[in-house]
Amino acid sequence: MPSTEALKLAGLDELKLSYKEALSLINGTSYSTAVASLGIWDSYRLLRAAVAVMALMIEASRASTAPLSTEANSTKLHRGGELEVARAISELVIDSKNVNTSGRTQDHTRLGVYPRYWARYLTRLVGHYVTY
């Protein structure tokens, strides 16, 4: 439906703006929104790359996947995206023969703290719990 028709249906008059008034409505706002959106998108891609690098580090060091388990992380009562980050890393190394699946929850490399670390950025990036 054209905007003029929608305005008539709403009982409003068409708004006539001069060139300066129209420019003032969009001046800088759309550019700032676009730059912010690109920054958020780049941050999200960087976080995904960091999670992939974390999975590679777990494989390279033959670390335990036990600290990434849903059971271990759900008992800690952490909020935010820690469970999602742990799940994402677990899915990346699930078929790997180079990880330790013995069930140890403590690992000498302390790689289990990274889901909590990266979850802070995920939560700050989006502001609430999201599916990774």
Protein backbone atom coordinates (compact mmCIF):
# COMPACT_ATOMS: atom_id res chain seq x y z
CA MET A 1 0.00 0.00 0.00
CA PRO A 2 1.42 3.43 -0.86
CA SER A 3 2.23 5.67 2.10
CA THR A 4 -0.15 8.39 0.96
CA GLU A 5 -3.02 5.91 1.02
CA ALA A 6 -2.00 4.61 4.45
CA LEU A 7 -1.86 8.16 5.82
CA LYS A 8 -5.36 8.86 4.45
CA LEU A 9 -6.69 5.67 6.07
CA ALA A 10 -5.15 6.77 9.37
CA GLY A 11 -6.72 10.22 9.00
CA LEU A 12 -3.38 12.00 8.70
CA ASP A 13 -2.24 14.61 6.21
CA GLU A 14 0.74 13.97 3.99
CA LEU A 15 3.93 15.45 5.42
CA LYS A 16 5.69 17.83 3.04
CA LEU A 17 9.33 18.48 3.86
CA SER A 18 11.82 20.84 2.27
CA TYR A 19 15.24 19.48 1.32
CA LYS A 20 16.87 20.66 4.58
CA GLU A 21 14.16 19.15 6.77
CA ALA A 22 14.31 15.82 4.97
CA LEU A 23 18.10 15.75 5.24
CA SER A 24 17.94 16.48 8.97
CA LEU A 25 15.77 13.38 9.50
CA ILE A 26 18.43 11.04 8.12
CA ASN A 27 21.61 13.02 8.72
CA GLY A 28 24.13 10.68 10.33
CA THR A 29 21.61 8.29 11.81
CA SER A 30 21.64 5.72 9.06
CA TYR A 31 25.42 5.89 8.74
CA SER A 32 25.93 5.41 12.48
CA THR A 33 23.48 2.51 12.51
CA ALA A 34 25.26 0.86 9.58
CA VAL A 35 28.69 1.24 11.18
CA ALA A 36 27.40 -0.13 14.50
CA SER A 37 25.75 -3.06 12.73
CA LEU A 38 28.96 -3.91 10.90
CA GLY A 39 30.89 -3.70 14.17
CA ILE A 40 28.48 -6.10 15.86
CA TRP A 41 28.65 -8.49 12.90
CA ASP A 42 32.46 -8.40 12.86
CA SER A 43 32.54 -9.01 16.63
CA TYR A 44 30.23 -12.00 16.24
CA ARG A 45 32.45 -13.44 13.49
CA LEU A 46 35.53 -12.87 15.66
CA LEU A 47 33.87 -14.68 18.56
CA ARG A 48 33.03 -17.63 16.31
CA ALA A 49 36.66 -17.71 15.13
CA ALA A 50 37.85 -17.66 18.76
CA VAL A 51 35.60 -20.62 19.56
CA ALA A 52 37.02 -22.51 16.56
CA VAL A 53 40.58 -21.73 17.68
CA MET A 54 39.67 -22.96 21.17
CA ALA A 55 38.48 -26.25 19.68
CA LEU A 56 41.76 -26.57 17.79
CA MET A 57 43.71 -25.87 21.00
CA ILE A 58 41.80 -28.62 22.81
CA GLU A 59 42.63 -31.02 20.00
CA ALA A 60 46.28 -30.01 19.75
CA SER A 61 46.86 -30.38 23.49
CA ARG A 62 44.76 -33.56 23.71
CA ALA A 63 42.82 -31.94 26.53
CA SER A 64 39.76 -33.34 28.25
CA THR A 65 36.30 -32.50 26.96
CA ALA A 66 34.71 -33.11 30.38
CA PRO A 67 34.78 -29.42 31.41
CA LEU A 68 32.69 -28.67 28.33
CA SER A 69 29.86 -31.03 29.26
CA THR A 70 26.37 -29.68 29.79
CA GLU A 71 26.15 -31.44 33.14
CA ALA A 72 29.35 -29.85 34.45
CA ASN A 73 28.40 -26.38 33.26
CA SER A 74 24.76 -26.46 34.36
CA THR A 75 25.71 -27.21 37.98
CA LYS A 76 27.81 -24.04 38.13
CA LEU A 77 24.70 -21.87 37.71
CA HIS A 78 26.42 -19.53 35.29
CA ARG A 79 24.23 -17.18 33.35
CA GLY A 80 24.75 -15.95 29.85
CA GLY A 81 26.11 -17.95 26.99
CA GLU A 82 28.58 -20.25 28.73
CA LEU A 83 26.54 -23.36 27.99
CA GLU A 84 26.20 -22.29 24.36
CA VAL A 85 29.93 -21.65 23.97
CA ALA A 86 30.74 -25.00 25.64
CA ARG A 87 28.22 -26.72 23.37
CA ALA A 88 29.69 -25.06 20.27
CA ILE A 89 33.24 -26.14 21.19
CA SER A 90 32.02 -29.67 22.01
CA GLU A 91 30.31 -29.97 18.64
CA LEU A 92 33.52 -28.96 16.88
CA VAL A 93 35.60 -31.67 18.60
CA ILE A 94 32.94 -34.38 18.90
CA ASP A 95 34.40 -36.67 16.23
CA SER A 96 38.03 -35.97 17.04
CA LYS A 97 40.33 -38.82 18.01
CA ASN A 98 42.77 -36.32 19.53
CA VAL A 99 40.74 -35.27 22.57
CA ASN A 100 40.63 -36.92 25.98
CA THR A 101 37.17 -38.33 26.69
CA SER A 102 38.12 -40.05 29.95
CA GLY A 103 35.73 -37.93 31.97
CA ARG A 104 38.30 -35.97 33.97
CA THR A 105 36.83 -32.62 34.90
CA GLN A 106 40.17 -31.09 35.91
CA ASP A 107 42.70 -30.70 33.17
CA HIS A 108 46.27 -29.55 33.54
CA THR A 109 45.79 -27.05 30.73
CA ARG A 110 42.70 -25.41 32.34
CA LEU A 111 41.00 -25.06 28.99
CA GLY A 112 37.63 -25.44 30.66
CA VAL A 113 37.59 -21.78 31.72
CA TYR A 114 37.38 -20.54 28.15
CA PRO A 115 33.63 -21.10 27.68
CA ARG A 116 33.03 -18.76 30.63
CA TYR A 117 35.54 -16.28 29.25
CA TRP A 118 34.08 -16.17 25.74
CA ALA A 119 30.50 -16.27 27.06
CA ARG A 120 31.05 -12.86 28.65
CA TYR A 121 31.72 -11.42 25.22
CA LEU A 122 28.79 -13.26 23.70
CA THR A 123 26.48 -11.88 26.38
CA ARG A 124 27.86 -8.35 26.01
CA LEU A 125 27.64 -8.57 22.25
CA VAL A 126 23.99 -9.50 22.14
CA GLY A 127 22.85 -8.45 25.59
CA HIS A 128 21.03 -11.67 26.37
CA TYR A 129 21.18 -15.42 25.94
CA VAL A 130 21.37 -16.49 22.30
CA THR A 131 21.75 -19.67 20.38
CA TYR A 132 25.28 -19.81 19.05
